[in-house]
N, C-alpha and C. Protein backbone atom coordinates (compact mmCIF):
# COMPACT_ATOMS: atom_id res chain seq x y z
N UNK A 1 0.84 -1.20 0.03
CA UNK A 1 0.07 0.04 0.00
C UNK A 1 0.87 1.18 -0.02
N UNK A 2 0.72 2.08 -0.94
CA UNK A 2 1.48 3.30 -1.12
C UNK A 2 0.67 4.46 -1.58
N UNK A 3 -0.21 4.96 -0.74
CA UNK A 3 -1.20 5.94 -1.20
C UNK A 3 -0.58 7.31 -1.64
N UNK A 4 0.54 7.68 -1.10
CA UNK A 4 1.17 8.91 -1.51
C UNK A 4 2.23 8.71 -2.59
N UNK A 5 2.34 7.54 -3.14
CA UNK A 5 3.37 7.30 -4.15
C UNK A 5 4.74 7.57 -3.66
N UNK A 6 4.99 7.46 -2.36
CA UNK A 6 6.30 7.54 -1.81
C UNK A 6 7.12 6.38 -2.11
N UNK A 7 8.35 6.56 -2.26
CA UNK A 7 9.31 5.38 -2.27
C UNK A 7 9.71 5.21 -0.84
N UNK A 8 9.80 3.95 -0.37
CA UNK A 8 10.13 3.74 1.03
C UNK A 8 10.89 2.43 1.17
N UNK A 9 11.89 2.42 2.13
CA UNK A 9 12.58 1.30 2.51
C UNK A 9 12.33 1.00 4.01
N UNK A 10 12.86 -0.07 4.53
CA UNK A 10 12.56 -0.30 5.93
C UNK A 10 13.80 -0.83 6.59
N UNK A 11 13.88 -0.69 7.89
CA UNK A 11 15.05 -1.10 8.74
C UNK A 11 14.62 -1.82 10.00
N UNK A 12 15.18 -3.06 10.21
CA UNK A 12 14.92 -3.72 11.46
C UNK A 12 16.07 -3.49 12.39
N UNK A 13 15.71 -2.92 13.54
CA UNK A 13 16.80 -2.62 14.56
C UNK A 13 17.00 -3.83 15.47
N UNK A 14 18.12 -4.52 15.36
CA UNK A 14 18.34 -5.72 16.17
C UNK A 14 19.71 -5.69 16.76
N UNK A 15 20.12 -4.49 17.19
CA UNK A 15 21.52 -4.40 17.68
C UNK A 15 21.68 -4.24 19.17
N UNK A 16 20.60 -4.30 19.95
CA UNK A 16 20.73 -4.10 21.36
C UNK A 16 21.48 -5.25 22.04
N UNK A 17 22.05 -5.01 23.22
CA UNK A 17 22.82 -6.00 23.89
C UNK A 17 22.06 -6.93 24.73
N UNK A 18 20.75 -6.64 24.89
CA UNK A 18 19.83 -7.51 25.66
C UNK A 18 20.35 -7.83 27.14
N UNK A 19 21.00 -6.85 27.72
CA UNK A 19 21.62 -7.07 29.02
C UNK A 19 20.57 -7.47 30.05
N UNK A 20 19.44 -6.68 30.14
CA UNK A 20 18.47 -6.93 31.16
C UNK A 20 17.69 -8.28 30.92
N UNK A 21 17.56 -8.56 29.57
CA UNK A 21 16.86 -9.82 29.26
C UNK A 21 17.72 -11.07 29.62
N UNK A 22 19.03 -10.89 29.56
CA UNK A 22 19.82 -12.00 29.91
C UNK A 22 20.09 -13.01 28.78
N UNK A 23 19.49 -12.80 27.63
CA UNK A 23 19.70 -13.55 26.42
C UNK A 23 19.28 -12.71 25.20
N UNK A 24 19.68 -13.09 24.07
CA UNK A 24 19.45 -12.30 22.83
C UNK A 24 17.97 -12.33 22.54
N UNK A 25 17.35 -10.99 22.63
CA UNK A 25 15.94 -10.93 22.42
C UNK A 25 15.61 -11.31 20.97
N UNK A 26 16.46 -11.06 20.07
CA UNK A 26 16.10 -11.39 18.64
C UNK A 26 15.83 -12.87 18.47
N UNK A 27 16.44 -13.72 19.34
CA UNK A 27 16.33 -15.16 19.21
C UNK A 27 15.30 -15.81 20.09
N UNK A 28 14.53 -14.94 20.79
CA UNK A 28 13.44 -15.50 21.55
C UNK A 28 12.38 -16.09 20.72
N UNK A 29 11.84 -17.30 21.14
CA UNK A 29 10.76 -17.99 20.35
C UNK A 29 9.47 -17.21 20.50
N UNK A 30 8.78 -16.98 19.45
CA UNK A 30 7.45 -16.33 19.46
C UNK A 30 6.45 -17.31 20.05
N UNK A 31 5.71 -16.83 21.07
CA UNK A 31 4.74 -17.75 21.65
C UNK A 31 3.67 -18.28 20.67
N UNK A 32 3.48 -19.60 20.67
CA UNK A 32 2.51 -20.16 19.76
C UNK A 32 2.86 -20.27 18.34
N UNK A 33 4.21 -20.16 18.06
CA UNK A 33 4.71 -20.13 16.70
C UNK A 33 6.12 -20.84 16.64
N UNK A 34 6.44 -21.18 15.47
CA UNK A 34 7.76 -21.76 15.25
C UNK A 34 8.74 -20.62 14.89
N UNK A 35 8.30 -19.40 14.82
CA UNK A 35 9.15 -18.31 14.42
C UNK A 35 9.97 -17.74 15.64
N UNK A 36 11.11 -17.26 15.40
CA UNK A 36 11.81 -16.45 16.32
C UNK A 36 11.42 -15.01 16.24
N UNK A 37 11.65 -14.20 17.26
CA UNK A 37 11.16 -12.84 17.33
C UNK A 37 11.69 -12.08 16.12
N UNK A 38 12.94 -12.17 15.74
CA UNK A 38 13.44 -11.44 14.63
C UNK A 38 12.73 -11.82 13.35
N UNK A 39 12.40 -13.09 13.21
CA UNK A 39 11.68 -13.60 11.98
C UNK A 39 10.32 -12.96 11.89
N UNK A 40 9.66 -12.87 13.02
CA UNK A 40 8.29 -12.29 13.03
C UNK A 40 8.36 -10.83 12.67
N UNK A 41 9.36 -10.06 13.21
CA UNK A 41 9.45 -8.70 12.90
C UNK A 41 9.79 -8.45 11.40
N UNK A 42 10.67 -9.29 10.92
CA UNK A 42 11.10 -9.16 9.52
C UNK A 42 9.86 -9.37 8.61
N UNK A 43 9.08 -10.36 9.02
CA UNK A 43 7.87 -10.67 8.20
C UNK A 43 6.92 -9.46 8.17
N UNK A 44 6.77 -8.71 9.27
CA UNK A 44 6.00 -7.50 9.29
C UNK A 44 6.47 -6.49 8.32
N UNK A 45 7.75 -6.31 8.26
CA UNK A 45 8.30 -5.36 7.31
C UNK A 45 8.22 -5.79 5.80
N UNK A 46 8.39 -7.04 5.62
CA UNK A 46 8.24 -7.61 4.32
C UNK A 46 6.86 -7.46 3.79
N UNK A 47 5.84 -7.52 4.69
CA UNK A 47 4.40 -7.30 4.29
C UNK A 47 4.15 -5.88 3.79
N UNK A 48 5.06 -5.02 4.20
CA UNK A 48 4.91 -3.54 3.69
C UNK A 48 5.43 -3.47 2.23
N UNK A 49 6.13 -4.42 1.78
CA UNK A 49 6.64 -4.47 0.40
C UNK A 49 7.54 -3.21 0.14
N UNK A 50 8.49 -3.03 1.00
CA UNK A 50 9.49 -1.85 0.76
C UNK A 50 10.39 -2.12 -0.35
N UNK A 51 11.10 -1.08 -0.85
CA UNK A 51 12.02 -1.26 -1.90
C UNK A 51 13.22 -2.07 -1.38
N UNK A 52 13.65 -1.86 -0.15
CA UNK A 52 14.77 -2.54 0.39
C UNK A 52 14.54 -2.73 1.88
N UNK A 53 15.08 -3.73 2.47
CA UNK A 53 15.05 -3.87 3.92
C UNK A 53 16.54 -3.92 4.44
N UNK A 54 16.78 -3.02 5.43
CA UNK A 54 18.11 -2.99 6.08
C UNK A 54 18.02 -3.79 7.40
N UNK A 55 19.18 -4.34 7.76
CA UNK A 55 19.27 -4.99 9.04
C UNK A 55 20.38 -4.29 9.85
N UNK A 56 20.05 -3.77 10.98
CA UNK A 56 20.94 -3.12 11.89
C UNK A 56 21.16 -4.00 13.14
N UNK A 57 22.47 -4.47 13.20
CA UNK A 57 22.80 -5.32 14.33
C UNK A 57 23.57 -6.52 13.85
N UNK A 58 24.00 -7.39 14.89
CA UNK A 58 24.69 -8.60 14.43
C UNK A 58 23.86 -9.50 13.65
N UNK A 59 24.42 -10.16 12.69
CA UNK A 59 23.68 -11.09 11.75
C UNK A 59 23.32 -12.37 12.58
N UNK A 60 22.06 -12.77 12.52
CA UNK A 60 21.62 -13.97 13.19
C UNK A 60 21.55 -15.03 12.07
N UNK A 61 21.74 -16.31 12.56
CA UNK A 61 21.67 -17.47 11.66
C UNK A 61 20.30 -17.46 10.88
N UNK A 62 20.36 -17.66 9.61
CA UNK A 62 19.16 -17.73 8.78
C UNK A 62 18.74 -16.45 8.16
N UNK A 63 19.38 -15.36 8.40
CA UNK A 63 19.05 -14.10 7.87
C UNK A 63 19.01 -14.22 6.29
N UNK A 64 17.91 -13.82 5.60
CA UNK A 64 17.85 -14.03 4.21
C UNK A 64 18.97 -13.10 3.51
N UNK A 65 19.48 -13.67 2.43
CA UNK A 65 20.62 -13.00 1.74
C UNK A 65 20.25 -11.72 1.07
N UNK A 66 18.94 -11.49 0.82
CA UNK A 66 18.55 -10.22 0.24
C UNK A 66 18.45 -9.08 1.18
N UNK A 67 18.47 -9.34 2.45
CA UNK A 67 18.43 -8.27 3.43
C UNK A 67 19.83 -7.58 3.53
N UNK A 68 19.85 -6.32 3.43
CA UNK A 68 21.16 -5.62 3.47
C UNK A 68 21.59 -5.28 4.93
N UNK A 69 22.68 -5.86 5.27
CA UNK A 69 23.21 -5.62 6.64
C UNK A 69 23.99 -4.27 6.66
N UNK A 70 23.65 -3.48 7.63
CA UNK A 70 24.20 -2.17 7.78
C UNK A 70 25.02 -2.12 9.19
N UNK A 71 26.25 -1.77 9.11
CA UNK A 71 27.10 -1.70 10.30
C UNK A 71 27.08 -0.19 10.87
N UNK A 72 26.86 -0.14 12.20
CA UNK A 72 26.90 1.17 12.83
C UNK A 72 28.20 1.82 12.60
N UNK A 73 28.18 3.11 12.36
CA UNK A 73 29.42 3.89 12.09
C UNK A 73 29.95 4.32 13.46
N UNK A 74 29.22 4.30 14.52
CA UNK A 74 29.68 4.60 15.85
C UNK A 74 29.27 3.44 16.78
N UNK A 75 30.20 2.98 17.54
CA UNK A 75 29.92 1.79 18.43
C UNK A 75 29.23 2.38 19.75
N UNK A 76 28.32 1.47 20.22
CA UNK A 76 27.66 1.74 21.54
C UNK A 76 26.82 3.01 21.38
N UNK A 77 26.27 3.27 20.21
CA UNK A 77 25.51 4.47 20.00
C UNK A 77 24.07 4.26 20.04
N UNK A 78 23.62 3.03 20.46
CA UNK A 78 22.20 2.79 20.66
C UNK A 78 21.43 2.85 19.36
N UNK A 79 20.06 3.02 19.45
CA UNK A 79 19.19 3.02 18.27
C UNK A 79 19.54 4.15 17.36
N UNK A 80 20.06 5.30 17.85
CA UNK A 80 20.39 6.42 17.03
C UNK A 80 21.48 6.05 15.99
N UNK A 81 22.44 5.19 16.47
CA UNK A 81 23.53 4.82 15.59
C UNK A 81 23.00 3.93 14.47
N UNK A 82 22.11 3.03 14.79
CA UNK A 82 21.55 2.14 13.75
C UNK A 82 20.71 2.94 12.78
N UNK A 83 19.86 3.79 13.23
CA UNK A 83 19.03 4.56 12.37
C UNK A 83 19.87 5.48 11.49
N UNK A 84 20.88 6.14 12.09
CA UNK A 84 21.74 7.02 11.30
C UNK A 84 22.40 6.25 10.22
N UNK A 85 22.96 5.10 10.48
CA UNK A 85 23.70 4.28 9.43
C UNK A 85 22.75 3.90 8.30
N UNK A 86 21.51 3.53 8.66
CA UNK A 86 20.61 3.12 7.62
C UNK A 86 20.08 4.31 6.80
N UNK A 87 19.94 5.46 7.42
CA UNK A 87 19.51 6.69 6.66
C UNK A 87 20.67 7.07 5.71
N UNK A 88 21.88 6.74 6.10
CA UNK A 88 23.03 7.08 5.17
C UNK A 88 23.05 6.21 3.94
N UNK A 89 22.45 5.02 4.05
CA UNK A 89 22.30 4.12 2.93
C UNK A 89 20.99 4.31 2.11
N UNK A 90 20.15 5.09 2.68
CA UNK A 90 18.77 5.22 2.14
C UNK A 90 18.76 5.87 0.81
N UNK A 91 18.13 5.23 -0.23
CA UNK A 91 17.90 5.83 -1.60
C UNK A 91 16.39 6.18 -1.72
N UNK A 92 15.61 5.70 -0.89
CA UNK A 92 14.10 5.98 -1.01
C UNK A 92 13.82 7.29 -0.32
N UNK A 93 12.57 7.70 -0.46
CA UNK A 93 12.14 8.94 0.21
C UNK A 93 12.17 8.92 1.69
N UNK A 94 11.67 7.73 2.25
CA UNK A 94 11.55 7.59 3.73
C UNK A 94 11.99 6.24 4.13
N UNK A 95 12.23 6.10 5.44
CA UNK A 95 12.71 4.82 6.01
C UNK A 95 11.77 4.48 7.12
N UNK A 96 11.14 3.29 7.07
CA UNK A 96 10.29 2.76 8.08
C UNK A 96 11.15 2.00 9.07
N UNK A 97 11.17 2.36 10.34
CA UNK A 97 11.99 1.78 11.34
C UNK A 97 11.14 1.00 12.23
N UNK A 98 11.66 -0.28 12.58
CA UNK A 98 10.97 -1.09 13.57
C UNK A 98 12.01 -1.84 14.43
N UNK A 99 11.78 -1.78 15.71
CA UNK A 99 12.65 -2.41 16.69
C UNK A 99 12.26 -3.90 16.80
N UNK A 100 13.29 -4.77 17.04
CA UNK A 100 13.02 -6.21 17.19
C UNK A 100 12.21 -6.52 18.41
N UNK A 101 12.20 -5.67 19.38
CA UNK A 101 11.57 -6.02 20.64
C UNK A 101 10.16 -5.43 20.86
N UNK A 102 9.48 -5.17 19.74
CA UNK A 102 8.14 -4.70 19.74
C UNK A 102 7.20 -5.78 19.17
N UNK A 103 6.96 -6.79 19.83
CA UNK A 103 6.26 -8.03 19.24
C UNK A 103 4.85 -7.80 18.96
N UNK A 104 4.25 -6.69 19.45
CA UNK A 104 2.78 -6.47 19.13
C UNK A 104 2.58 -5.58 17.89
N UNK A 105 3.64 -5.03 17.42
CA UNK A 105 3.52 -4.07 16.30
C UNK A 105 3.04 -4.86 15.05
N UNK A 106 2.20 -4.22 14.27
CA UNK A 106 1.62 -4.87 13.07
C UNK A 106 1.74 -3.92 11.86
N UNK A 107 1.54 -4.65 10.65
CA UNK A 107 1.74 -3.94 9.43
C UNK A 107 0.71 -2.85 9.16
N UNK A 108 -0.45 -3.09 9.71
CA UNK A 108 -1.54 -2.06 9.52
C UNK A 108 -1.21 -0.73 10.16
N UNK A 109 -0.64 -0.81 11.32
CA UNK A 109 -0.19 0.48 11.97
C UNK A 109 0.88 1.14 11.16
N UNK A 110 1.86 0.44 10.72
CA UNK A 110 2.93 0.96 9.97
C UNK A 110 2.48 1.56 8.65
N UNK A 111 1.48 0.88 8.01
CA UNK A 111 0.87 1.43 6.79
C UNK A 111 0.22 2.71 7.12
N UNK A 112 -0.44 2.82 8.23
CA UNK A 112 -1.12 4.08 8.57
C UNK A 112 -0.06 5.24 8.88
N UNK A 113 1.06 4.91 9.37
CA UNK A 113 2.09 5.98 9.42
C UNK A 113 2.59 6.36 8.05
N UNK A 114 2.77 5.49 7.19
CA UNK A 114 3.18 5.80 5.82
C UNK A 114 2.15 6.67 5.15
N UNK A 115 0.90 6.49 5.43
CA UNK A 115 -0.16 7.26 4.77
C UNK A 115 -0.06 8.71 5.23
N UNK A 116 0.60 9.03 6.33
CA UNK A 116 0.74 10.35 6.84
C UNK A 116 1.90 11.04 6.32
N UNK A 117 2.81 10.34 5.63
CA UNK A 117 4.09 10.90 5.16
C UNK A 117 3.97 11.53 3.77
N UNK A 118 4.97 12.35 3.52
CA UNK A 118 5.08 12.99 2.28
C UNK A 118 6.58 13.07 1.96
N UNK A 119 6.96 13.54 0.78
CA UNK A 119 8.39 13.56 0.49
C UNK A 119 9.00 14.66 1.37
N UNK A 120 9.97 14.27 2.11
CA UNK A 120 10.70 15.22 3.07
C UNK A 120 10.02 15.28 4.47
N UNK A 121 8.96 14.49 4.69
CA UNK A 121 8.31 14.48 6.00
C UNK A 121 7.85 13.10 6.37
N UNK A 122 8.42 12.56 7.52
CA UNK A 122 7.95 11.30 8.05
C UNK A 122 6.88 11.40 9.03
N UNK A 123 6.75 10.38 9.82
CA UNK A 123 5.71 10.32 10.84
C UNK A 123 6.17 9.56 12.10
N UNK A 124 5.92 10.07 13.28
CA UNK A 124 6.30 9.46 14.52
C UNK A 124 5.18 9.42 15.50
N UNK A 125 4.88 8.30 16.10
CA UNK A 125 3.80 8.23 17.11
C UNK A 125 4.19 8.90 18.41
N UNK A 126 3.21 9.40 19.10
CA UNK A 126 3.37 10.04 20.33
C UNK A 126 2.45 9.47 21.35
N UNK A 127 2.88 8.91 22.49
CA UNK A 127 2.04 8.39 23.52
C UNK A 127 2.20 9.34 24.70
N UNK A 128 1.10 10.03 25.01
CA UNK A 128 1.06 11.00 26.12
C UNK A 128 2.06 12.03 25.76
N UNK A 129 3.15 12.14 26.51
CA UNK A 129 4.15 13.23 26.38
C UNK A 129 5.44 12.72 25.63
N UNK A 130 5.48 11.37 25.41
CA UNK A 130 6.67 10.82 24.83
C UNK A 130 6.49 10.28 23.40
N UNK A 131 7.54 10.53 22.60
CA UNK A 131 7.52 9.95 21.27
C UNK A 131 7.88 8.45 21.28
N UNK A 132 7.47 7.73 20.30
CA UNK A 132 7.81 6.30 20.15
C UNK A 132 8.71 6.21 18.92
N UNK A 133 10.00 6.33 19.08
CA UNK A 133 10.93 6.43 17.99
C UNK A 133 11.20 5.12 17.26
N UNK A 134 10.89 4.01 17.86
CA UNK A 134 11.36 2.75 17.23
C UNK A 134 10.30 1.98 16.43
N UNK A 135 9.18 2.67 16.13
CA UNK A 135 8.22 2.20 15.21
C UNK A 135 7.76 3.45 14.50
N UNK A 136 8.55 4.05 13.64
CA UNK A 136 8.30 5.33 13.07
C UNK A 136 8.81 5.38 11.66
N UNK A 137 8.58 6.46 10.96
CA UNK A 137 8.99 6.69 9.58
C UNK A 137 9.81 7.92 9.50
N UNK A 138 11.05 7.83 9.06
CA UNK A 138 12.00 8.98 8.98
C UNK A 138 12.38 9.36 7.56
N UNK A 139 12.26 10.60 7.19
CA UNK A 139 12.63 11.01 5.83
C UNK A 139 14.16 11.13 5.69
N UNK A 140 14.54 11.06 4.50
CA UNK A 140 16.02 11.11 4.20
C UNK A 140 16.69 12.38 4.72
N UNK A 141 15.87 13.40 4.73
CA UNK A 141 16.43 14.69 5.10
C UNK A 141 17.00 14.81 6.57
N UNK A 142 16.56 13.84 7.42
CA UNK A 142 17.03 13.90 8.79
C UNK A 142 18.33 13.12 8.95
N UNK A 143 18.90 12.59 7.88
CA UNK A 143 20.18 11.83 7.95
C UNK A 143 21.30 12.70 8.47
N UNK A 144 21.45 13.92 7.97
CA UNK A 144 22.53 14.78 8.47
C UNK A 144 22.33 15.19 9.89
N UNK A 145 21.11 15.47 10.26
CA UNK A 145 20.85 15.80 11.67
C UNK A 145 21.16 14.66 12.64
N UNK A 146 20.82 13.41 12.23
CA UNK A 146 21.06 12.29 13.00
C UNK A 146 22.61 12.05 13.12
N UNK A 147 23.31 12.24 12.08
CA UNK A 147 24.85 12.10 12.07
C UNK A 147 25.43 13.15 13.00
N UNK A 148 25.02 14.34 12.91
CA UNK A 148 25.59 15.40 13.78
C UNK A 148 25.32 15.12 15.22
N UNK A 149 24.16 14.72 15.55
CA UNK A 149 23.75 14.41 16.91
C UNK A 149 24.62 13.24 17.44
N UNK A 150 24.81 12.24 16.61
CA UNK A 150 25.53 11.03 16.94
C UNK A 150 27.01 11.48 17.23
N UNK A 151 27.63 12.33 16.34
CA UNK A 151 28.98 12.75 16.50
C UNK A 151 29.17 13.53 17.79
N UNK A 152 28.13 14.19 18.18
CA UNK A 152 28.29 15.05 19.38
C UNK A 152 27.95 14.26 20.67
N UNK A 153 27.62 12.95 20.50
CA UNK A 153 27.39 12.08 21.67
C UNK A 153 26.04 12.27 22.31
N UNK A 154 25.13 12.89 21.58
CA UNK A 154 23.78 13.13 22.08
C UNK A 154 22.87 12.00 21.48
N UNK A 155 22.84 10.95 22.21
CA UNK A 155 22.21 9.72 21.67
C UNK A 155 20.72 9.53 21.88
N UNK A 156 20.07 10.44 22.65
CA UNK A 156 18.62 10.38 22.91
C UNK A 156 17.87 10.54 21.63
N UNK A 157 17.01 9.59 21.27
CA UNK A 157 16.11 9.66 20.10
C UNK A 157 15.16 10.81 20.29
N UNK A 158 14.69 11.03 21.53
CA UNK A 158 13.65 12.06 21.78
C UNK A 158 14.24 13.48 21.29
N UNK A 159 15.51 13.69 21.48
CA UNK A 159 16.09 14.99 21.00
C UNK A 159 16.11 14.98 19.49
N UNK A 160 16.43 13.91 18.79
CA UNK A 160 16.38 13.94 17.31
C UNK A 160 15.00 14.26 16.84
N UNK A 161 14.00 13.57 17.44
CA UNK A 161 12.61 13.81 16.95
C UNK A 161 12.15 15.24 17.24
N UNK A 162 12.46 15.78 18.41
CA UNK A 162 12.03 17.11 18.59
C UNK A 162 12.62 18.11 17.63
N UNK A 163 13.88 17.93 17.27
CA UNK A 163 14.45 18.81 16.32
C UNK A 163 13.88 18.64 14.94
N UNK A 164 13.54 17.36 14.60
CA UNK A 164 12.93 17.14 13.24
C UNK A 164 11.57 17.65 13.16
N UNK A 165 10.82 17.57 14.24
CA UNK A 165 9.48 18.19 14.26
C UNK A 165 9.56 19.70 14.03
N UNK A 166 10.54 20.32 14.69
CA UNK A 166 10.70 21.75 14.59
C UNK A 166 10.94 22.24 13.17
N UNK A 167 11.59 21.39 12.33
CA UNK A 167 11.96 21.82 10.94
C UNK A 167 10.88 21.29 10.01
N UNK A 168 9.85 20.61 10.53
CA UNK A 168 8.76 20.11 9.65
C UNK A 168 9.15 18.86 8.94
N UNK A 169 10.12 18.11 9.52
CA UNK A 169 10.52 16.85 8.85
C UNK A 169 9.80 15.65 9.41
N UNK A 170 9.06 15.79 10.53
CA UNK A 170 8.28 14.68 11.09
C UNK A 170 6.90 15.17 11.47
N UNK A 171 5.92 14.40 11.12
CA UNK A 171 4.49 14.63 11.51
C UNK A 171 4.17 13.81 12.74
N UNK A 172 3.64 14.46 13.72
CA UNK A 172 3.31 13.73 15.00
C UNK A 172 1.94 13.03 14.86
N UNK A 173 1.92 11.74 15.20
CA UNK A 173 0.71 10.94 15.18
C UNK A 173 0.35 10.62 16.66
N UNK A 174 -0.65 11.22 17.18
CA UNK A 174 -1.01 10.99 18.55
C UNK A 174 -1.71 9.64 18.67
N UNK A 175 -1.28 8.85 19.64
CA UNK A 175 -1.81 7.49 19.81
C UNK A 175 -3.05 7.44 20.67
N UNK A 176 -4.07 6.77 20.16
CA UNK A 176 -5.25 6.51 20.98
C UNK A 176 -4.86 5.48 22.06
N UNK A 177 -5.46 5.55 23.27
CA UNK A 177 -5.11 4.64 24.31
C UNK A 177 -5.23 3.11 23.92
N UNK A 178 -6.20 2.90 23.17
CA UNK A 178 -6.41 1.48 22.73
C UNK A 178 -5.33 0.90 21.87
N UNK A 179 -4.35 1.83 21.41
CA UNK A 179 -3.23 1.31 20.62
C UNK A 179 -1.94 1.29 21.39
N UNK A 180 -1.95 1.63 22.62
CA UNK A 180 -0.72 1.62 23.46
C UNK A 180 -0.11 0.19 23.46
N UNK A 181 -1.01 -0.84 23.44
CA UNK A 181 -0.42 -2.22 23.52
C UNK A 181 0.56 -2.51 22.36
N UNK A 182 0.44 -1.80 21.24
CA UNK A 182 1.33 -2.01 20.16
C UNK A 182 2.83 -1.75 20.51
N UNK A 183 2.97 -0.94 21.47
CA UNK A 183 4.31 -0.57 21.91
C UNK A 183 4.85 -1.28 23.12
N UNK A 184 4.21 -2.36 23.50
CA UNK A 184 4.76 -3.29 24.55
C UNK A 184 6.05 -3.70 24.15
N UNK A 185 7.13 -3.40 24.86
CA UNK A 185 8.42 -3.85 24.49
C UNK A 185 8.95 -4.92 25.42
N UNK A 186 9.98 -5.52 25.04
CA UNK A 186 10.61 -6.71 25.86
C UNK A 186 11.96 -6.27 26.30
N UNK A 187 12.06 -5.92 27.56
CA UNK A 187 13.40 -5.60 28.13
C UNK A 187 13.90 -6.63 29.15
N UNK A 188 12.99 -7.19 29.85
CA UNK A 188 13.38 -8.12 30.96
C UNK A 188 12.58 -9.44 30.85
N UNK A 189 13.08 -10.53 31.56
CA UNK A 189 12.36 -11.77 31.48
C UNK A 189 10.88 -11.63 31.82
N UNK A 190 10.53 -10.83 32.81
CA UNK A 190 9.11 -10.68 33.15
C UNK A 190 8.27 -10.21 31.96
N UNK A 191 8.86 -9.36 31.20
CA UNK A 191 8.10 -8.85 30.03
C UNK A 191 7.79 -10.00 29.05
N UNK A 192 8.79 -10.86 28.79
CA UNK A 192 8.55 -12.03 27.94
C UNK A 192 7.49 -13.01 28.58
N UNK A 193 7.68 -13.21 29.87
CA UNK A 193 6.78 -14.08 30.54
C UNK A 193 5.31 -13.56 30.43
N UNK A 194 5.17 -12.28 30.54
CA UNK A 194 3.90 -11.69 30.44
C UNK A 194 3.30 -11.84 29.05
N UNK A 195 4.12 -11.74 28.04
CA UNK A 195 3.62 -11.91 26.70
C UNK A 195 3.15 -13.41 26.47
N UNK A 196 4.02 -14.30 26.96
CA UNK A 196 3.64 -15.79 26.87
C UNK A 196 2.36 -16.02 27.56
N UNK A 197 2.16 -15.49 28.70
CA UNK A 197 0.95 -15.71 29.43
C UNK A 197 -0.25 -15.13 28.74
N UNK A 198 -0.14 -14.02 28.16
CA UNK A 198 -1.16 -13.36 27.44
C UNK A 198 -1.59 -14.17 26.24
N UNK A 199 -0.57 -14.68 25.52
CA UNK A 199 -0.84 -15.40 24.33
C UNK A 199 -1.51 -16.83 24.70
N UNK A 200 -0.98 -17.40 25.78
CA UNK A 200 -1.61 -18.65 26.16
C UNK A 200 -3.05 -18.55 26.69
N UNK A 201 -3.39 -17.46 27.33
CA UNK A 201 -4.71 -17.25 27.82
C UNK A 201 -5.73 -16.86 26.69
N UNK A 202 -5.21 -16.18 25.76
CA UNK A 202 -6.04 -15.77 24.64
C UNK A 202 -6.14 -16.69 23.51
N UNK A 203 -5.07 -17.60 23.43
CA UNK A 203 -4.98 -18.55 22.38
C UNK A 203 -4.50 -17.95 21.11
N UNK A 204 -3.98 -16.74 21.18
CA UNK A 204 -3.48 -16.07 19.88
C UNK A 204 -2.04 -15.64 20.13
N UNK A 205 -1.23 -15.74 19.17
CA UNK A 205 0.10 -15.27 19.18
C UNK A 205 0.08 -13.84 18.66
N UNK A 206 1.15 -13.03 18.88
CA UNK A 206 1.20 -11.73 18.37
C UNK A 206 1.17 -11.77 16.82
N UNK A 207 0.39 -10.88 16.23
CA UNK A 207 0.24 -10.80 14.86
C UNK A 207 0.46 -9.43 14.31
């Protein structure tokens, strides 16, 4: 679906150290499925039918050969480093970004974000007073801004978004409370246990 005739690529952010989880989050088994978490997230991005899919982070076994692996230009730079590196490779108008640890995110929501975008302007969700930078769409124009912020050691994604909003490079999409669940992330074992319990009780896996 490409209502605005934008060209877009996508990036899966899978470079976190998973310190609090105690194991690689990307390799967690998806409840009720044979898929690993990274495979589920990649399938979501593939359903968008982007021009290209970038992979930010260590390569996991089984990664399809057509996925372009992008190495961070700054080590220990967090999500900003991964997004910056992917933006530097971007040839499309915008980049759809998805973190590997958002197992509730779905293609319909990302399509809705794309529908809000135009050439030179992406879209970022906002929940209450905070932006959700790891399921968002960034235009190529913010590449230089991200690189400058990274070089200065200012790694907070909230800062990048605030500046991009000021120059009209990001459209804010306010989240309805019933969509907060899409941003349930997995940081600690209890988070994963909660997801498993929810899936077992409902009989549904994240889709």
